Amino acid sequence: MILLFIGDIVGDAATKYVAGRLPGLRAQHNVDLVVVNAENCAANGLGMGAVQVELLLRSGADVITGGNHSWDSEESVDLLRLRQ
């Protein structure tokens, strides 16, 4: 199994860069699983942004990880909140 782990994506520009490169990297290296740390991917670099998370998932990320900065904004908390 080939795993690609990308960490720490900070801000909107980095998110767009990774999203643009991810499909090619995945194909070029026959990657089976892509994990990205996106706890700072929000446009301002504080927490996770829904738009940025969706972009990463659409571009080929299989798993998105977080950390202590995942709780830095209300939007991040809403993304992580368990839906009933």
PDB file of N, CA and C in Angstrom:
ATOM      1  N   MET A   1       0.843  -1.176   0.000  1.00  0.00           N
ATOM      2  CA  MET A   1       0.000   0.000   0.000  1.00  0.00           C
ATOM      3  C   MET A   1       0.890   1.243   0.000  1.00  0.00           C
ATOM      4  N   ILE A   2       0.546   2.185  -0.840  1.00  0.00           N
ATOM      5  CA  ILE A   2       1.284   3.445  -0.914  1.00  0.00           C
ATOM      6  C   ILE A   2       0.417   4.534  -0.293  1.00  0.00           C
ATOM      7  N   LEU A   3       0.980   5.180   0.728  1.00  0.00           N
ATOM      8  CA  LEU A   3       0.293   6.220   1.480  1.00  0.00           C
ATOM      9  C   LEU A   3       0.986   7.551   1.235  1.00  0.00           C
ATOM     10  N   LEU A   4       0.202   8.571   0.953  1.00  0.00           N
ATOM     11  CA  LEU A   4       0.715   9.934   0.835  1.00  0.00           C
ATOM     12  C   LEU A   4       0.120  10.730   1.980  1.00  0.00           C
ATOM     13  N   PHE A   5       0.990  11.289   2.823  1.00  0.00           N
ATOM     14  CA  PHE A   5       0.540  12.127   3.937  1.00  0.00           C
ATOM     15  C   PHE A   5       1.076  13.527   3.720  1.00  0.00           C
ATOM     16  N   ILE A   6       0.159  14.486   3.684  1.00  0.00           N
ATOM     17  CA  ILE A   6       0.538  15.881   3.491  1.00  0.00           C
ATOM     18  C   ILE A   6       0.117  16.658   4.739  1.00  0.00           C
ATOM     19  N   GLY A   7       1.052  17.373   5.313  1.00  0.00           N
ATOM     20  CA  GLY A   7       0.702  18.131   6.516  1.00  0.00           C
ATOM     21  C   GLY A   7       1.480  19.399   6.524  1.00  0.00           C
ATOM     22  N   ASP A   8       1.123  20.168   7.146  1.00  0.00           N
ATOM     23  CA  ASP A   8       0.079  21.004   7.624  1.00  0.00           C
ATOM     24  C   ASP A   8      -0.245  22.027   6.549  1.00  0.00           C
ATOM     25  N   ILE A   9      -1.434  21.949   6.018  1.00  0.00           N
ATOM     26  CA  ILE A   9      -1.885  22.881   4.987  1.00  0.00           C
ATOM     27  C   ILE A   9      -2.384  24.139   5.695  1.00  0.00           C
ATOM     28  N   VAL A  10      -1.767  25.269   5.400  1.00  0.00           N
ATOM     29  CA  VAL A  10      -2.096  26.516   6.094  1.00  0.00           C
ATOM     30  C   VAL A  10      -2.617  27.550   5.098  1.00  0.00           C
ATOM     31  N   GLY A  11      -3.887  27.897   5.245  1.00  0.00           N
ATOM     32  CA  GLY A  11      -4.483  28.959   4.447  1.00  0.00           C
ATOM     33  C   GLY A  11      -5.037  28.519   3.106  1.00  0.00           C
ATOM     34  N   ASP A  12      -5.715  29.453   2.476  1.00  0.00           N
ATOM     35  CA  ASP A  12      -6.410  29.190   1.218  1.00  0.00           C
ATOM     36  C   ASP A  12      -5.450  28.915   0.066  1.00  0.00           C
ATOM     37  N   ALA A  13      -4.363  29.691  -0.019  1.00  0.00           N
ATOM     38  CA  ALA A  13      -3.418  29.500  -1.128  1.00  0.00           C
ATOM     39  C   ALA A  13      -2.785  28.114  -1.075  1.00  0.00           C
ATOM     40  N   ALA A  14      -2.411  27.670   0.105  1.00  0.00           N
ATOM     41  CA  ALA A  14      -1.813  26.334   0.247  1.00  0.00           C
ATOM     42  C   ALA A  14      -2.833  25.250  -0.070  1.00  0.00           C
ATOM     43  N   THR A  15      -4.077  25.464   0.345  1.00  0.00           N
ATOM     44  CA  THR A  15      -5.138  24.491   0.052  1.00  0.00           C
ATOM     45  C   THR A  15      -5.321  24.346  -1.448  1.00  0.00           C
ATOM     46  N   LYS A  16      -5.386  25.476  -2.148  1.00  0.00           N
ATOM     47  CA  LYS A  16      -5.558  25.430  -3.603  1.00  0.00           C
ATOM     48  C   LYS A  16      -4.353  24.783  -4.280  1.00  0.00           C
ATOM     49  N   TYR A  17      -3.160  25.059  -3.784  1.00  0.00           N
ATOM     50  CA  TYR A  17      -1.956  24.462  -4.355  1.00  0.00           C
ATOM     51  C   TYR A  17      -1.986  22.942  -4.200  1.00  0.00           C
ATOM     52  N   VAL A  18      -2.263  22.468  -2.998  1.00  0.00           N
ATOM     53  CA  VAL A  18      -2.311  21.023  -2.757  1.00  0.00           C
ATOM     54  C   VAL A  18      -3.407  20.383  -3.589  1.00  0.00           C
ATOM     55  N   ALA A  19      -4.580  21.003  -3.624  1.00  0.00           N
ATOM     56  CA  ALA A  19      -5.697  20.452  -4.403  1.00  0.00           C
ATOM     57  C   ALA A  19      -5.346  20.359  -5.884  1.00  0.00           C
ATOM     58  N   GLY A  20      -4.615  21.322  -6.375  1.00  0.00           N
ATOM     59  CA  GLY A  20      -4.211  21.290  -7.779  1.00  0.00           C
ATOM     60  C   GLY A  20      -3.180  20.221  -8.094  1.00  0.00           C
ATOM     61  N   ARG A  21      -2.323  19.927  -7.147  1.00  0.00           N
ATOM     62  CA  ARG A  21      -1.257  18.944  -7.350  1.00  0.00           C
ATOM     63  C   ARG A  21      -1.671  17.516  -7.020  1.00  0.00           C
ATOM     64  N   LEU A  22      -2.655  17.372  -6.145  1.00  0.00           N
ATOM     65  CA  LEU A  22      -3.000  16.056  -5.605  1.00  0.00           C
ATOM     66  C   LEU A  22      -3.381  15.012  -6.655  1.00  0.00           C
ATOM     67  N   PRO A  23      -4.237  15.311  -7.615  1.00  0.00           N
ATOM     68  CA  PRO A  23      -4.582  14.280  -8.605  1.00  0.00           C
ATOM     69  C   PRO A  23      -3.362  13.763  -9.368  1.00  0.00           C
ATOM     70  N   GLY A  24      -2.464  14.652  -9.748  1.00  0.00           N
ATOM     71  CA  GLY A  24      -1.268  14.237 -10.469  1.00  0.00           C
ATOM     72  C   GLY A  24      -0.324  13.411  -9.618  1.00  0.00           C
ATOM     73  N   LEU A  25      -0.131  13.825  -8.370  1.00  0.00           N
ATOM     74  CA  LEU A  25       0.726  13.059  -7.455  1.00  0.00           C
ATOM     75  C   LEU A  25       0.155  11.666  -7.218  1.00  0.00           C
ATOM     76  N   ARG A  26      -1.157  11.631  -7.030  1.00  0.00           N
ATOM     77  CA  ARG A  26      -1.822  10.352  -6.772  1.00  0.00           C
ATOM     78  C   ARG A  26      -1.621   9.392  -7.960  1.00  0.00           C
ATOM     79  N   ALA A  27      -1.790   9.907  -9.171  1.00  0.00           N
ATOM     80  CA  ALA A  27      -1.627   9.083 -10.364  1.00  0.00           C
ATOM     81  C   ALA A  27      -0.162   8.719 -10.606  1.00  0.00           C
ATOM     82  N   GLN A  28       0.711   9.687 -10.491  1.00  0.00           N
ATOM     83  CA  GLN A  28       2.137   9.473 -10.771  1.00  0.00           C
ATOM     84  C   GLN A  28       2.758   8.424  -9.858  1.00  0.00           C
ATOM     85  N   HIS A  29       2.333   8.387  -8.598  1.00  0.00           N
ATOM     86  CA  HIS A  29       2.948   7.491  -7.624  1.00  0.00           C
ATOM     87  C   HIS A  29       2.053   6.319  -7.232  1.00  0.00           C
ATOM     88  N   ASN A  30       0.953   6.133  -7.951  1.00  0.00           N
ATOM     89  CA  ASN A  30       0.023   5.041  -7.660  1.00  0.00           C
ATOM     90  C   ASN A  30      -0.396   5.005  -6.195  1.00  0.00           C
ATOM     91  N   VAL A  31      -0.762   6.151  -5.667  1.00  0.00           N
ATOM     92  CA  VAL A  31      -1.095   6.284  -4.249  1.00  0.00           C
ATOM     93  C   VAL A  31      -2.433   5.619  -3.961  1.00  0.00           C
ATOM     94  N   ASP A  32      -2.456   4.812  -2.911  1.00  0.00           N
ATOM     95  CA  ASP A  32      -3.676   4.115  -2.494  1.00  0.00           C
ATOM     96  C   ASP A  32      -4.510   4.928  -1.507  1.00  0.00           C
ATOM     97  N   LEU A  33      -3.843   5.699  -0.657  1.00  0.00           N
ATOM     98  CA  LEU A  33      -4.543   6.439   0.389  1.00  0.00           C
ATOM     99  C   LEU A  33      -3.855   7.783   0.599  1.00  0.00           C
ATOM    100  N   VAL A  34      -4.663   8.852   0.578  1.00  0.00           N
ATOM    101  CA  VAL A  34      -4.135  10.200   0.786  1.00  0.00           C
ATOM    102  C   VAL A  34      -4.702  10.747   2.094  1.00  0.00           C
ATOM    103  N   VAL A  35      -3.800  11.139   2.979  1.00  0.00           N
ATOM    104  CA  VAL A  35      -4.162  11.739   4.260  1.00  0.00           C
ATOM    105  C   VAL A  35      -3.585  13.152   4.280  1.00  0.00           C
ATOM    106  N   VAL A  36      -4.418  14.137   4.599  1.00  0.00           N
ATOM    107  CA  VAL A  36      -3.927  15.508   4.689  1.00  0.00           C
ATOM    108  C   VAL A  36      -4.270  16.087   6.055  1.00  0.00           C
ATOM    109  N   ASN A  37      -3.318  16.810   6.621  1.00  0.00           N
ATOM    110  CA  ASN A  37      -3.584  17.532   7.851  1.00  0.00           C
ATOM    111  C   ASN A  37      -4.056  18.919   7.453  1.00  0.00           C
ATOM    112  N   ALA A  38      -5.293  19.219   7.805  1.00  0.00           N
ATOM    113  CA  ALA A  38      -5.907  20.464   7.344  1.00  0.00           C
ATOM    114  C   ALA A  38      -6.438  21.298   8.505  1.00  0.00           C
ATOM    115  N   GLU A  39      -5.831  21.186   9.657  1.00  0.00           N
ATOM    116  CA  GLU A  39      -6.334  21.909  10.818  1.00  0.00           C
ATOM    117  C   GLU A  39      -6.174  23.420  10.691  1.00  0.00           C
ATOM    118  N   ASN A  40      -5.394  23.867   9.712  1.00  0.00           N
ATOM    119  CA  ASN A  40      -5.192  25.310   9.488  1.00  0.00           C
ATOM    120  C   ASN A  40      -5.535  25.718   8.062  1.00  0.00           C
ATOM    121  N   CYS A  41      -6.405  24.982   7.405  1.00  0.00           N
ATOM    122  CA  CYS A  41      -6.667  25.234   5.985  1.00  0.00           C
ATOM    123  C   CYS A  41      -7.668  26.341   5.718  1.00  0.00           C
ATOM    124  N   ALA A  42      -8.314  26.877   6.739  1.00  0.00           N
ATOM    125  CA  ALA A  42      -9.271  27.961   6.529  1.00  0.00           C
ATOM    126  C   ALA A  42      -8.599  29.102   5.782  1.00  0.00           C
ATOM    127  N   ALA A  43      -9.389  29.904   5.128  1.00  0.00           N
ATOM    128  CA  ALA A  43      -8.841  30.985   4.304  1.00  0.00           C
ATOM    129  C   ALA A  43      -7.847  31.855   5.070  1.00  0.00           C
ATOM    130  N   ASN A  44      -8.127  32.095   6.354  1.00  0.00           N
ATOM    131  CA  ASN A  44      -7.233  32.931   7.159  1.00  0.00           C
ATOM    132  C   ASN A  44      -6.177  32.124   7.921  1.00  0.00           C
ATOM    133  N   GLY A  45      -6.156  30.804   7.725  1.00  0.00           N
ATOM    134  CA  GLY A  45      -5.160  29.959   8.376  1.00  0.00           C
ATOM    135  C   GLY A  45      -5.494  29.558   9.796  1.00  0.00           C
ATOM    136  N   LEU A  46      -6.693  29.901  10.258  1.00  0.00           N
ATOM    137  CA  LEU A  46      -7.100  29.563  11.626  1.00  0.00           C
ATOM    138  C   LEU A  46      -8.227  28.547  11.594  1.00  0.00           C
ATOM    139  N   GLY A  47      -7.935  27.314  11.874  1.00  0.00           N
ATOM    140  CA  GLY A  47      -8.939  26.264  11.859  1.00  0.00           C
ATOM    141  C   GLY A  47      -9.203  25.747  10.459  1.00  0.00           C
ATOM    142  N   MET A  48     -10.295  24.998  10.328  1.00  0.00           N
ATOM    143  CA  MET A  48     -10.684  24.419   9.043  1.00  0.00           C
ATOM    144  C   MET A  48     -11.808  25.234   8.424  1.00  0.00           C
ATOM    145  N   GLY A  49     -11.777  25.375   7.118  1.00  0.00           N
ATOM    146  CA  GLY A  49     -12.863  26.024   6.388  1.00  0.00           C
ATOM    147  C   GLY A  49     -13.623  24.991   5.585  1.00  0.00           C
ATOM    148  N   ALA A  50     -14.935  25.091   5.573  1.00  0.00           N
ATOM    149  CA  ALA A  50     -15.765  24.126   4.849  1.00  0.00           C
ATOM    150  C   ALA A  50     -15.417  24.101   3.359  1.00  0.00           C
ATOM    151  N   VAL A  51     -15.212  25.262   2.777  1.00  0.00           N
ATOM    152  CA  VAL A  51     -14.880  25.342   1.348  1.00  0.00           C
ATOM    153  C   VAL A  51     -13.554  24.628   1.090  1.00  0.00           C
ATOM    154  N   GLN A  52     -12.572  24.862   1.945  1.00  0.00           N
ATOM    155  CA  GLN A  52     -11.252  24.271   1.762  1.00  0.00           C
ATOM    156  C   GLN A  52     -11.284  22.754   1.983  1.00  0.00           C
ATOM    157  N   VAL A  53     -12.009  22.309   2.995  1.00  0.00           N
ATOM    158  CA  VAL A  53     -12.124  20.869   3.253  1.00  0.00           C
ATOM    159  C   VAL A  53     -12.783  20.177   2.065  1.00  0.00           C
ATOM    160  N   GLU A  54     -13.852  20.759   1.561  1.00  0.00           N
ATOM    161  CA  GLU A  54     -14.551  20.175   0.402  1.00  0.00           C
ATOM    162  C   GLU A  54     -13.637  20.122  -0.813  1.00  0.00           C
ATOM    163  N   LEU A  55     -12.859  21.154  -1.039  1.00  0.00           N
ATOM    164  CA  LEU A  55     -11.921  21.182  -2.162  1.00  0.00           C
ATOM    165  C   LEU A  55     -10.888  20.061  -2.030  1.00  0.00           C
ATOM    166  N   LEU A  56     -10.353  19.871  -0.845  1.00  0.00           N
ATOM    167  CA  LEU A  56      -9.368  18.803  -0.627  1.00  0.00           C
ATOM    168  C   LEU A  56      -9.981  17.427  -0.867  1.00  0.00           C
ATOM    169  N   LEU A  57     -11.198  17.223  -0.393  1.00  0.00           N
ATOM    170  CA  LEU A  57     -11.864  15.928  -0.601  1.00  0.00           C
ATOM    171  C   LEU A  57     -12.155  15.698  -2.084  1.00  0.00           C
ATOM    172  N   ARG A  58     -12.639  16.729  -2.773  1.00  0.00           N
ATOM    173  CA  ARG A  58     -12.922  16.594  -4.213  1.00  0.00           C
ATOM    174  C   ARG A  58     -11.660  16.348  -5.027  1.00  0.00           C
ATOM    175  N   SER A  59     -10.539  16.846  -4.558  1.00  0.00           N
ATOM    176  CA  SER A  59      -9.294  16.692  -5.325  1.00  0.00           C
ATOM    177  C   SER A  59      -8.610  15.353  -5.067  1.00  0.00           C
ATOM    178  N   GLY A  60      -9.125  14.558  -4.124  1.00  0.00           N
ATOM    179  CA  GLY A  60      -8.577  13.224  -3.937  1.00  0.00           C
ATOM    180  C   GLY A  60      -8.101  12.873  -2.546  1.00  0.00           C
ATOM    181  N   ALA A  61      -8.260  13.763  -1.580  1.00  0.00           N
ATOM    182  CA  ALA A  61      -7.911  13.407  -0.202  1.00  0.00           C
ATOM    183  C   ALA A  61      -8.927  12.389   0.310  1.00  0.00           C
ATOM    184  N   ASP A  62      -8.442  11.339   0.945  1.00  0.00           N
ATOM    185  CA  ASP A  62      -9.322  10.324   1.513  1.00  0.00           C
ATOM    186  C   ASP A  62      -9.628  10.589   2.977  1.00  0.00           C
ATOM    187  N   VAL A  63      -8.631  11.127   3.686  1.00  0.00           N
ATOM    188  CA  VAL A  63      -8.753  11.366   5.124  1.00  0.00           C
ATOM    189  C   VAL A  63      -8.224  12.764   5.412  1.00  0.00           C
ATOM    190  N   ILE A  64      -8.951  13.495   6.259  1.00  0.00           N
ATOM    191  CA  ILE A  64      -8.485  14.792   6.710  1.00  0.00           C
ATOM    192  C   ILE A  64      -8.281  14.718   8.209  1.00  0.00           C
ATOM    193  N   THR A  65      -7.066  15.053   8.643  1.00  0.00           N
ATOM    194  CA  THR A  65      -6.773  15.036  10.068  1.00  0.00           C
ATOM    195  C   THR A  65      -6.744  16.461  10.595  1.00  0.00           C
ATOM    196  N   GLY A  66      -6.832  16.562  11.904  1.00  0.00           N
ATOM    197  CA  GLY A  66      -6.781  17.847  12.574  1.00  0.00           C
ATOM    198  C   GLY A  66      -5.869  17.764  13.776  1.00  0.00           C
ATOM    199  N   GLY A  67      -5.939  18.772  14.564  1.00  0.00           N
ATOM    200  CA  GLY A  67      -5.142  18.856  15.778  1.00  0.00           C
ATOM    201  C   GLY A  67      -5.698  19.967  16.638  1.00  0.00           C
ATOM    202  N   ASN A  68      -4.867  20.512  17.494  1.00  0.00           N
ATOM    203  CA  ASN A  68      -5.353  21.526  18.424  1.00  0.00           C
ATOM    204  C   ASN A  68      -5.927  22.753  17.709  1.00  0.00           C
ATOM    205  N   HIS A  69      -5.446  23.083  16.540  1.00  0.00           N
ATOM    206  CA  HIS A  69      -5.956  24.254  15.822  1.00  0.00           C
ATOM    207  C   HIS A  69      -7.301  23.989  15.153  1.00  0.00           C
ATOM    208  N   SER A  70      -7.733  22.746  15.167  1.00  0.00           N
ATOM    209  CA  SER A  70      -9.043  22.419  14.602  1.00  0.00           C
ATOM    210  C   SER A  70     -10.164  23.126  15.357  1.00  0.00           C
ATOM    211  N   TRP A  71      -9.885  23.579  16.562  1.00  0.00           N
ATOM    212  CA  TRP A  71     -10.901  24.203  17.409  1.00  0.00           C
ATOM    213  C   TRP A  71     -10.796  25.720  17.411  1.00  0.00           C
ATOM    214  N   ASP A  72     -10.003  26.304  16.490  1.00  0.00           N
ATOM    215  CA  ASP A  72      -9.724  27.739  16.501  1.00  0.00           C
ATOM    216  C   ASP A  72     -10.827  28.618  15.926  1.00  0.00           C
ATOM    217  N   SER A  73     -11.820  28.037  15.313  1.00  0.00           N
ATOM    218  CA  SER A  73     -12.904  28.860  14.759  1.00  0.00           C
ATOM    219  C   SER A  73     -14.228  28.129  14.901  1.00  0.00           C
ATOM    220  N   GLU A  74     -15.290  28.898  14.895  1.00  0.00           N
ATOM    221  CA  GLU A  74     -16.620  28.288  14.979  1.00  0.00           C
ATOM    222  C   GLU A  74     -16.893  27.391  13.780  1.00  0.00           C
ATOM    223  N   GLU A  75     -16.411  27.805  12.612  1.00  0.00           N
ATOM    224  CA  GLU A  75     -16.618  26.995  11.407  1.00  0.00           C
ATOM    225  C   GLU A  75     -15.955  25.629  11.556  1.00  0.00           C
ATOM    226  N   SER A  76     -14.763  25.596  12.127  1.00  0.00           N
ATOM    227  CA  SER A  76     -14.072  24.328  12.367  1.00  0.00           C
ATOM    228  C   SER A  76     -14.889  23.440  13.297  1.00  0.00           C
ATOM    229  N   VAL A  77     -15.361  24.030  14.374  1.00  0.00           N
ATOM    230  CA  VAL A  77     -16.139  23.263  15.356  1.00  0.00           C
ATOM    231  C   VAL A  77     -17.399  22.708  14.703  1.00  0.00           C
ATOM    232  N   ASP A  78     -18.041  23.525  13.867  1.00  0.00           N
ATOM    233  CA  ASP A  78     -19.242  23.053  13.165  1.00  0.00           C
ATOM    234  C   ASP A  78     -18.923  21.886  12.235  1.00  0.00           C
ATOM    235  N   LEU A  79     -17.761  21.936  11.569  1.00  0.00           N
ATOM    236  CA  LEU A  79     -17.367  20.840  10.684  1.00  0.00           C
ATOM    237  C   LEU A  79     -17.117  19.555  11.470  1.00  0.00           C
ATOM    238  N   LEU A  80     -16.617  19.698  12.663  1.00  0.00           N
ATOM    239  CA  LEU A  80     -16.251  18.529  13.468  1.00  0.00           C
ATOM    240  C   LEU A  80     -17.385  18.013  14.342  1.00  0.00           C
ATOM    241  N   ARG A  81     -18.389  18.815  14.542  1.00  0.00           N
ATOM    242  CA  ARG A  81     -19.499  18.446  15.416  1.00  0.00           C
ATOM    243  C   ARG A  81     -20.218  17.222  14.857  1.00  0.00           C
ATOM    244  N   LEU A  82     -20.516  16.305  15.732  1.00  0.00           N
ATOM    245  CA  LEU A  82     -21.225  15.090  15.341  1.00  0.00           C
ATOM    246  C   LEU A  82     -22.666  15.430  15.001  1.00  0.00           C
ATOM    247  N   ARG A  83     -23.098  15.105  13.816  1.00  0.00           N
ATOM    248  CA  ARG A  83     -24.462  15.372  13.382  1.00  0.00           C
ATOM    249  C   ARG A  83     -25.360  14.221  13.799  1.00  0.00           C
ATOM    250  N   GLN A  84     -26.548  14.551  14.274  1.00  0.00           N
ATOM    251  CA  GLN A  84     -27.487  13.505  14.710  1.00  0.00           C
ATOM    252  C   GLN A  84     -28.608  13.375  13.722  1.00  0.00           C
TER     253      GLN A  84
END
